[in-house]
Amino acid sequence: MNQSQGSLFSKLLVPLIIVVIVVYLIASAWAGLRNPYQFTVAYADTMETSVTTSGWVVRSEQTVSGAEGVVQLLRNQGEKVGKGQAIAMVYQSETDVESQAELIQLEEDLEALQYATNAESPSGTVLDSQILSAMSSLRNASSTGDYSGLATQTANYRQLVLRREYLLSSEANAAMTQAATDLQARYDALAGDQSGATAITAEESGLFSSYVDGYENLLNPDKLEGLSPKDLAAFSQLTPETEANTLGKLVTDSVWYYAVTVSGDTVSLFETGDSVDVFFDALSETLPVTVYSVGEIQNGEMVVVFRSSQNDSKVEDLRQESGRLIFQSDEGLRIPKEALRVNEDGETGVYVVLAQKARFRPVTVLAEDTDSYLVQANPTDEEDTRILREGDEIILASEELYDGKVVR
């Protein structure tokens, strides 16, 4: 082929390719316009009947005041404290603090040595078994990240190891006996010189928290009776103060309350004694509550108070909180409303695509919103394989559908 023939062939081929592409695009568009079927995918979701709100968490609580001197707090956040138990120690000087720390260490060492040298402590295979169990507890704590009992577990393991050493070595036997005598003498001397230490004790039992906001004495369950929307709003205008020497607070009752203002139009949703779930934004968690009281409607609003004792340790530091009141929550598969159909047998369900054909899947409607239904599979019996599953491709169609119809 000479150059002129090749040039002519190129001039004819390029327009031909363009024409083929254009025809293909037009045909595809025309087929799409004529195809009455559209498709979507069923996916798992949740629908809830709820009311967004904001209100106040109310508890029975009392502040814990410190004293002049060096204060050493003895309680952790959320720790239970019994009536009369020490919350903190107050020392006259740093020297007293150091003496107390030494006294505590001496007490731990003495307990370990006394256990190791006690004739009634375990020996032989029983001791070996307990050592293995103690090692396993420490390993599990490390692997799970749960160190809540680490101090006790470590002390137990230490006592068992010392006990084995005491039994295996006569030199260790003598050394431990002498060490116990020396430690006891040092402990007695320090214990007799603790006149500079004063304990701050709990007047009532409760959960300790180092967080205080000044509302401890302003908001309490007694203030909830007859509370109006105006009264509840007034709490936001307060500027509570906390004394400078306050160490924390004790939550003295596991029962807590959540007081909110809602629209009077929702009055039918609330009845004393009803169970509701409240989702606290601050916790990202839902807790069960009970309707404690429903106030009178004033200027289109009313106060509803909820009561609970669920997970009181988690709400011990909550105060003015936003969230949702959830009256009903359903989990299922979300589908568009236009996908729901009734087949020739009177069954309610949807059609899915299987091997390019429409196949019917019976469902039950759990809930609905403006555009969607929340459904679950509803086979007629255990042998019915017509089960709608997450990820199934659902047919949306304006034309008549039937089981087995080719849709692609």
Protein backbone atom coordinates (compact mmCIF):
# COMPACT_ATOMS: atom_id res chain seq x y z
CA MET A 1 0.00 0.00 0.00
CA ASN A 2 1.46 3.31 -1.02
CA GLN A 3 1.38 6.47 1.09
CA SER A 4 -1.65 8.00 -0.65
CA GLN A 5 -3.73 4.83 -0.15
CA GLY A 6 -2.79 4.68 3.59
CA SER A 7 -3.78 8.29 4.07
CA LEU A 8 -7.17 7.67 2.40
CA PHE A 9 -7.80 4.60 4.60
CA SER A 10 -7.10 6.63 7.76
CA LYS A 11 -9.46 9.37 6.65
CA LEU A 12 -12.28 6.83 6.19
CA LEU A 13 -11.57 4.77 9.38
CA VAL A 14 -11.60 7.59 11.95
CA PRO A 15 -15.08 8.92 11.04
CA LEU A 16 -16.38 5.34 10.99
CA ILE A 17 -15.14 4.69 14.55
CA ILE A 18 -16.73 7.92 15.75
CA VAL A 19 -20.05 6.97 14.17
CA VAL A 20 -19.96 3.52 15.88
CA ILE A 21 -19.28 5.09 19.29
CA VAL A 22 -22.08 7.61 18.89
CA VAL A 23 -24.55 4.90 17.83
CA TYR A 24 -23.54 2.77 20.85
CA LEU A 25 -24.06 5.65 23.28
CA ILE A 26 -27.44 6.51 21.78
CA ALA A 27 -28.53 2.87 21.93
CA SER A 28 -27.42 2.55 25.56
CA ALA A 29 -29.25 5.72 26.54
CA TRP A 30 -32.38 4.57 24.73
CA ALA A 31 -32.23 1.17 26.45
CA GLY A 32 -31.83 2.90 29.81
CA LEU A 33 -34.84 5.09 29.16
CA ARG A 34 -36.94 2.09 28.15
CA ASN A 35 -35.83 -0.07 31.12
CA PRO A 36 -38.48 0.50 33.80
CA TYR A 37 -36.39 -0.96 36.59
CA GLN A 38 -34.19 0.75 39.09
CA PHE A 39 -32.26 -0.94 41.85
CA THR A 40 -31.01 -0.23 45.35
CA VAL A 41 -29.38 -2.21 48.15
CA ALA A 42 -30.95 -3.22 51.48
CA TYR A 43 -28.79 -2.22 54.42
CA ALA A 44 -28.96 -2.64 58.19
CA ASP A 45 -30.10 0.42 60.10
CA THR A 46 -31.95 1.65 63.17
CA MET A 47 -35.07 3.76 63.48
CA GLU A 48 -36.12 5.33 66.75
CA THR A 49 -38.92 7.41 68.14
CA SER A 50 -37.14 10.04 70.19
CA VAL A 51 -37.13 13.61 71.48
CA THR A 52 -33.98 15.73 71.55
CA THR A 53 -33.59 17.50 74.85
CA SER A 54 -31.30 19.12 77.39
CA GLY A 55 -31.54 19.13 81.16
CA TRP A 56 -29.91 18.68 84.55
CA VAL A 57 -28.59 15.58 86.27
CA VAL A 58 -29.48 15.72 89.97
CA ARG A 59 -27.99 13.56 92.74
CA SER A 60 -27.74 13.31 96.51
CA GLU A 61 -24.18 14.47 97.17
CA GLN A 62 -22.08 16.32 99.70
CA THR A 63 -18.75 18.09 99.37
CA VAL A 64 -15.67 16.97 101.28
CA SER A 65 -13.59 19.77 102.81
CA GLY A 66 -9.88 19.63 103.51
CA ALA A 67 -7.88 21.13 106.39
CA GLU A 68 -4.74 23.12 107.02
CA GLY A 69 -1.58 21.20 106.22
CA VAL A 70 -0.32 18.76 103.61
CA VAL A 71 -3.27 16.75 102.28
CA GLN A 72 -2.82 13.25 100.87
CA LEU A 73 -5.88 11.92 99.07
CA LEU A 74 -6.50 8.22 99.71
CA ARG A 75 -9.42 7.55 97.34
CA ASN A 76 -9.58 7.10 93.56
CA GLN A 77 -12.21 8.50 91.23
CA GLY A 78 -15.46 6.54 91.59
CA GLU A 79 -14.20 4.51 94.55
CA LYS A 80 -16.75 3.40 97.13
CA VAL A 81 -16.16 4.80 100.61
CA GLY A 82 -17.91 3.49 103.72
CA LYS A 83 -19.24 5.70 106.50
CA GLY A 84 -16.39 6.62 108.84
CA GLN A 85 -13.67 5.48 106.44
CA ALA A 86 -10.76 7.80 105.68
CA ILE A 87 -10.94 9.85 102.48
CA ALA A 88 -7.69 11.74 102.99
CA MET A 89 -4.92 12.29 105.51
CA VAL A 90 -3.73 15.72 106.60
CA TYR A 91 -0.11 16.09 107.76
CA GLN A 92 1.59 18.98 109.49
CA SER A 93 4.71 18.78 107.33
CA GLU A 94 6.34 16.99 104.42
CA THR A 95 8.38 15.00 106.93
CA ASP A 96 5.15 13.52 108.28
CA VAL A 97 4.14 12.59 104.72
CA GLU A 98 7.43 10.78 104.16
CA SER A 99 7.06 8.96 107.47
CA GLN A 100 3.56 7.81 106.51
CA ALA A 101 4.77 6.52 103.14
CA GLU A 102 7.53 4.58 104.88
CA LEU A 103 5.02 3.22 107.37
CA ILE A 104 2.81 1.90 104.56
CA GLN A 105 5.78 0.24 102.84
CA LEU A 106 6.91 -1.30 106.14
CA GLU A 107 3.44 -2.71 106.67
CA GLU A 108 3.45 -4.36 103.22
CA ASP A 109 6.94 -5.82 103.78
CA LEU A 110 5.97 -7.14 107.20
CA GLU A 111 2.85 -8.84 105.84
CA ALA A 112 4.93 -10.56 103.14
CA LEU A 113 7.57 -11.77 105.62
CA GLN A 114 5.03 -12.89 108.19
CA TYR A 115 3.24 -14.91 105.54
CA ALA A 116 6.50 -16.47 104.34
CA THR A 117 7.62 -17.49 107.84
CA ASN A 118 4.23 -18.66 109.11
CA ALA A 119 4.13 -22.42 109.73
CA GLU A 120 0.52 -22.59 108.51
CA SER A 121 1.30 -21.04 105.10
CA PRO A 122 1.13 -23.47 102.13
CA SER A 123 3.99 -25.70 101.03
CA GLY A 124 4.73 -28.42 98.49
CA THR A 125 2.41 -28.90 95.52
CA VAL A 126 -0.19 -26.56 97.02
CA LEU A 127 2.36 -23.72 97.06
CA ASP A 128 3.46 -24.48 93.48
CA SER A 129 -0.15 -24.44 92.32
CA GLN A 130 -0.82 -21.11 94.00
CA ILE A 131 2.32 -19.56 92.46
CA LEU A 132 1.23 -20.67 88.98
CA SER A 133 -2.25 -19.26 89.60
CA ALA A 134 -0.78 -15.92 90.76
CA MET A 135 1.44 -15.77 87.66
CA SER A 136 -1.57 -16.47 85.46
CA SER A 137 -3.55 -13.65 87.11
CA LEU A 138 -0.71 -11.19 86.46
CA ARG A 139 -0.39 -12.32 82.85
CA ASN A 140 -4.13 -11.96 82.26
CA ALA A 141 -4.11 -8.46 83.77
CA SER A 142 -1.28 -7.48 81.45
CA SER A 143 -2.91 -8.92 78.31
CA THR A 144 -6.34 -7.38 79.00
CA GLY A 145 -5.04 -4.06 80.35
CA ASP A 146 -7.11 -4.47 83.51
CA TYR A 147 -4.88 -3.23 86.33
CA SER A 148 -7.63 -2.58 88.88
CA GLY A 149 -6.39 -5.41 91.11
CA LEU A 150 -2.71 -5.16 90.27
CA ALA A 151 -1.56 -4.11 93.74
CA THR A 152 -3.27 -7.08 95.41
CA GLN A 153 -2.11 -9.53 92.73
CA THR A 154 1.50 -8.34 92.98
CA ALA A 155 1.50 -8.53 96.79
CA ASN A 156 0.07 -12.05 96.67
CA TYR A 157 2.71 -13.24 94.19
CA ARG A 158 5.47 -11.68 96.26
CA GLN A 159 4.32 -13.48 99.42
CA LEU A 160 4.21 -16.84 97.65
CA VAL A 161 7.70 -16.44 96.15
CA LEU A 162 9.14 -15.47 99.55
CA ARG A 163 7.42 -18.47 101.08
CA ARG A 164 9.09 -20.82 98.60
CA GLU A 165 12.50 -19.23 99.19
CA TYR A 166 12.00 -19.54 102.96
CA LEU A 167 11.25 -23.25 102.64
CA LEU A 168 14.13 -24.06 100.25
CA SER A 169 17.01 -22.22 101.96
CA SER A 170 18.07 -22.32 105.60
CA GLU A 171 20.00 -19.10 105.05
CA ALA A 172 16.87 -17.40 103.71
CA ASN A 173 14.99 -18.83 106.66
CA ALA A 174 17.26 -17.10 109.17
CA ALA A 175 17.53 -13.88 107.16
CA MET A 176 13.76 -13.48 106.82
CA THR A 177 13.17 -14.15 110.50
CA GLN A 178 15.68 -11.47 111.45
CA ALA A 179 14.33 -9.03 108.82
CA ALA A 180 10.80 -9.45 110.21
CA THR A 181 12.06 -8.61 113.71
CA ASP A 182 13.90 -5.49 112.49
CA LEU A 183 10.97 -4.28 110.40
CA GLN A 184 8.54 -4.72 113.28
CA ALA A 185 10.75 -2.60 115.53
CA ARG A 186 10.97 0.16 112.90
CA TYR A 187 7.22 0.01 112.27
CA ASP A 188 6.38 0.31 115.96
CA ALA A 189 8.67 3.34 116.29
CA LEU A 190 7.10 5.15 113.33
CA ALA A 191 3.53 4.23 114.29
CA GLY A 192 4.04 5.74 117.71
CA ASP A 193 5.13 9.05 116.17
CA GLN A 194 2.12 9.84 113.99
CA SER A 195 0.64 12.59 116.13
CA GLY A 196 0.97 14.98 113.19
CA ALA A 197 -1.52 13.10 111.01
CA THR A 198 -5.28 13.66 110.97
CA ALA A 199 -7.80 11.64 108.96
CA ILE A 200 -10.67 13.21 107.01
CA THR A 201 -13.47 10.63 107.14
CA ALA A 202 -16.75 10.11 105.28
CA GLU A 203 -19.86 11.28 107.13
CA GLU A 204 -21.92 8.99 104.90
CA SER A 205 -21.09 6.14 102.57
CA GLY A 206 -20.91 6.92 98.85
CA LEU A 207 -18.87 7.18 95.67
CA PHE A 208 -15.94 9.58 95.82
CA SER A 209 -15.33 12.10 93.03
CA SER A 210 -12.71 14.82 92.89
CA TYR A 211 -14.91 16.85 90.49
CA VAL A 212 -17.04 19.59 92.07
CA ASP A 213 -18.94 22.37 90.32
CA GLY A 214 -20.69 24.23 93.13
CA TYR A 215 -24.13 22.80 92.34
CA GLU A 216 -23.79 20.09 95.01
CA ASN A 217 -25.76 22.16 97.52
CA LEU A 218 -27.98 23.95 94.98
CA LEU A 219 -29.34 20.95 93.09
CA ASN A 220 -30.65 18.00 95.07
CA PRO A 221 -33.65 15.65 94.78
CA ASP A 222 -35.72 17.75 97.21
CA LYS A 223 -35.65 20.64 94.71
CA LEU A 224 -37.38 18.56 92.02
CA GLU A 225 -40.87 18.68 93.51
CA GLY A 226 -43.12 21.11 91.62
CA LEU A 227 -40.28 22.29 89.38
CA SER A 228 -41.45 24.59 86.57
CA PRO A 229 -39.75 25.29 83.21
CA LYS A 230 -38.87 28.75 84.52
CA ASP A 231 -37.30 27.25 87.65
CA LEU A 232 -35.22 24.81 85.63
CA ALA A 233 -34.02 27.54 83.27
CA ALA A 234 -32.97 29.64 86.28
CA PHE A 235 -30.27 27.10 87.19
CA SER A 236 -28.36 28.14 84.07
CA GLN A 237 -28.18 31.71 85.36
CA LEU A 238 -26.53 30.75 88.65
CA THR A 239 -22.81 31.22 89.28
CA PRO A 240 -22.06 28.61 91.95
CA GLU A 241 -18.84 28.85 93.91
CA THR A 242 -16.69 26.15 95.46
CA GLU A 243 -14.65 26.60 98.63
CA ALA A 244 -10.90 26.68 98.05
CA ASN A 245 -10.15 23.76 100.39
CA THR A 246 -12.74 21.38 98.86
CA LEU A 247 -11.20 17.97 98.14
CA GLY A 248 -14.12 16.51 96.21
CA LYS A 249 -17.56 15.12 96.87
CA LEU A 250 -19.38 11.98 97.91
CA VAL A 251 -22.35 10.81 95.85
CA THR A 252 -24.38 9.37 98.71
CA ASP A 253 -27.17 7.61 96.80
CA SER A 254 -27.05 5.36 93.75
CA VAL A 255 -30.33 6.89 92.53
CA TRP A 256 -29.97 9.86 90.19
CA TYR A 257 -32.44 12.09 88.34
CA TYR A 258 -32.56 13.82 84.98
CA ALA A 259 -34.83 16.88 84.81
CA VAL A 260 -35.65 18.26 81.34
CA THR A 261 -37.96 20.78 79.74
CA VAL A 262 -39.96 19.51 76.77
CA SER A 263 -42.73 20.83 74.56
CA GLY A 264 -46.23 20.50 75.95
CA ASP A 265 -47.22 18.86 72.64
CA THR A 266 -45.32 15.74 73.73
CA VAL A 267 -47.32 15.26 76.95
CA SER A 268 -48.90 12.05 75.61
CA LEU A 269 -45.46 10.43 75.46
CA PHE A 270 -44.87 10.67 79.20
CA GLU A 271 -46.66 8.81 81.94
CA THR A 272 -45.34 8.29 85.45
CA GLY A 273 -43.72 4.87 85.79
CA ASP A 274 -43.07 4.39 82.07
CA SER A 275 -39.64 3.14 81.00
CA VAL A 276 -37.60 5.29 78.61
CA ASP A 277 -34.00 5.25 77.41
CA VAL A 278 -31.90 8.40 77.60
CA PHE A 279 -28.88 8.86 75.35
CA PHE A 280 -26.35 11.25 76.90
CA ASP A 281 -24.19 12.99 74.30
CA ALA A 282 -21.36 13.33 76.85
CA LEU A 283 -21.25 9.56 77.43
CA SER A 284 -22.21 8.44 73.90
CA GLU A 285 -24.21 5.82 75.74
CA THR A 286 -27.86 4.96 76.38
CA LEU A 287 -29.10 4.34 79.92
CA PRO A 288 -32.56 3.13 81.04
CA VAL A 289 -34.65 5.54 83.12
CA THR A 290 -38.20 5.71 84.50
CA VAL A 291 -40.57 8.66 84.30
CA TYR A 292 -40.58 9.99 87.88
CA SER A 293 -42.86 13.01 87.50
CA VAL A 294 -44.60 15.06 84.80
CA GLY A 295 -45.11 18.75 85.53
CA GLU A 296 -47.90 21.07 84.45
CA ILE A 297 -47.79 22.72 81.03
CA GLN A 298 -46.78 26.37 81.36
CA ASN A 299 -46.41 28.61 78.30
CA GLY A 300 -46.31 25.56 76.03
CA GLU A 301 -43.61 23.75 78.03
CA MET A 302 -43.41 21.31 80.91
CA VAL A 303 -40.77 19.68 83.11
CA VAL A 304 -40.35 15.91 83.08
CA VAL A 305 -38.13 14.23 85.67
CA PHE A 306 -36.62 10.79 85.10
CA ARG A 307 -35.22 8.49 87.77
CA SER A 308 -32.59 5.75 87.54
CA SER A 309 -29.84 3.91 89.41
CA GLN A 310 -28.29 2.35 86.32
CA ASN A 311 -24.51 2.89 85.98
CA ASP A 312 -24.50 5.54 88.70
CA SER A 313 -20.69 5.67 88.63
CA LYS A 314 -20.79 6.90 85.02
CA VAL A 315 -23.16 9.77 85.72
CA GLU A 316 -21.57 10.93 88.99
CA ASP A 317 -19.92 13.91 87.26
CA LEU A 318 -22.65 14.78 84.74
CA ARG A 319 -24.60 17.99 85.32
CA GLN A 320 -26.14 20.05 82.51
CA GLU A 321 -26.40 17.54 79.70
CA SER A 322 -27.95 17.24 76.24
CA GLY A 323 -29.19 14.04 74.68
CA ARG A 324 -32.20 12.16 73.35
CA LEU A 325 -35.17 10.55 75.06
CA ILE A 326 -35.75 7.30 73.18
CA PHE A 327 -39.23 5.78 73.41
CA GLN A 328 -38.78 3.02 70.86
CA SER A 329 -35.82 1.73 68.87
CA ASP A 330 -35.97 -0.88 66.10
CA GLU A 331 -33.18 -2.57 64.16
CA GLY A 332 -33.72 -4.02 60.71
CA LEU A 333 -33.13 -3.48 56.99
CA ARG A 334 -33.89 -0.08 55.49
CA ILE A 335 -35.66 -0.03 52.11
CA PRO A 336 -37.27 2.78 50.07
CA LYS A 337 -41.05 2.92 50.40
CA GLU A 338 -41.54 2.37 46.66
CA ALA A 339 -39.84 -1.03 46.95
CA LEU A 340 -42.57 -2.51 49.16
CA ARG A 341 -45.12 -4.61 47.26
CA VAL A 342 -47.91 -7.16 47.75
CA ASN A 343 -47.62 -10.32 45.62
CA GLU A 344 -50.38 -12.40 44.07
CA ASP A 345 -50.68 -14.43 47.29
CA GLY A 346 -51.30 -11.33 49.38
CA GLU A 347 -47.85 -11.36 50.99
CA THR A 348 -46.09 -8.08 51.75
CA GLY A 349 -42.46 -7.95 50.68
CA VAL A 350 -39.90 -6.82 48.14
CA TYR A 351 -38.43 -8.19 44.93
CA VAL A 352 -34.70 -8.78 44.74
CA VAL A 353 -32.46 -9.56 41.78
CA LEU A 354 -31.20 -13.14 41.63
CA ALA A 355 -29.59 -14.48 38.43
CA GLN A 356 -31.11 -11.53 36.49
CA LYS A 357 -34.61 -12.49 37.64
CA ALA A 358 -36.98 -10.99 40.20
CA ARG A 359 -37.45 -13.08 43.33
CA PHE A 360 -39.96 -12.25 46.06
CA ARG A 361 -38.88 -11.86 49.68
CA PRO A 362 -41.65 -11.52 52.32
CA VAL A 363 -40.99 -8.93 55.05
CA THR A 364 -42.59 -7.36 58.10
CA VAL A 365 -42.55 -3.58 58.50
CA LEU A 366 -41.07 -2.52 61.86
CA ALA A 367 -41.04 1.26 61.49
CA GLU A 368 -41.14 4.01 58.90
CA ASP A 369 -40.10 7.58 58.23
CA THR A 370 -40.84 9.95 55.35
CA ASP A 371 -39.06 7.98 52.62
CA SER A 372 -38.19 4.55 54.05
CA TYR A 373 -39.41 1.45 55.80
CA LEU A 374 -37.44 -0.54 58.34
CA VAL A 375 -38.24 -4.20 57.74
CA GLN A 376 -37.20 -7.69 58.74
CA ALA A 377 -37.42 -10.95 56.86
CA ASN A 378 -40.71 -12.78 57.37
CA PRO A 379 -40.49 -16.33 55.94
CA THR A 380 -43.66 -18.39 56.28
CA ASP A 381 -41.90 -21.26 58.10
CA GLU A 382 -38.47 -22.70 58.88
CA GLU A 383 -38.21 -24.27 55.42
CA ASP A 384 -39.00 -21.03 53.60
CA THR A 385 -35.74 -19.87 51.99
CA ARG A 386 -37.16 -16.53 50.83
CA ILE A 387 -35.14 -14.46 53.30
CA LEU A 388 -34.20 -10.84 52.71
CA ARG A 389 -30.59 -10.19 53.75
CA GLU A 390 -28.37 -7.17 54.11
CA GLY A 391 -26.74 -6.38 50.76
CA ASP A 392 -29.54 -7.85 48.62
CA GLU A 393 -30.26 -5.79 45.50
CA ILE A 394 -33.87 -4.60 45.62
CA ILE A 395 -35.95 -3.74 42.58
CA LEU A 396 -37.72 -0.40 42.31
CA ALA A 397 -40.17 -0.55 39.42
CA SER A 398 -43.23 1.19 38.07
CA GLU A 399 -44.31 -1.82 35.97
CA GLU A 400 -45.85 -5.04 37.26
CA LEU A 401 -43.45 -7.53 38.80
CA TYR A 402 -43.81 -11.23 39.49
CA ASP A 403 -41.55 -13.94 40.81
CA GLY A 404 -39.20 -15.15 38.06
CA LYS A 405 -39.59 -12.16 35.73
CA VAL A 406 -36.40 -11.26 33.87
CA VAL A 407 -35.34 -7.74 34.87
CA ARG A 408 -31.89 -7.56 33.28
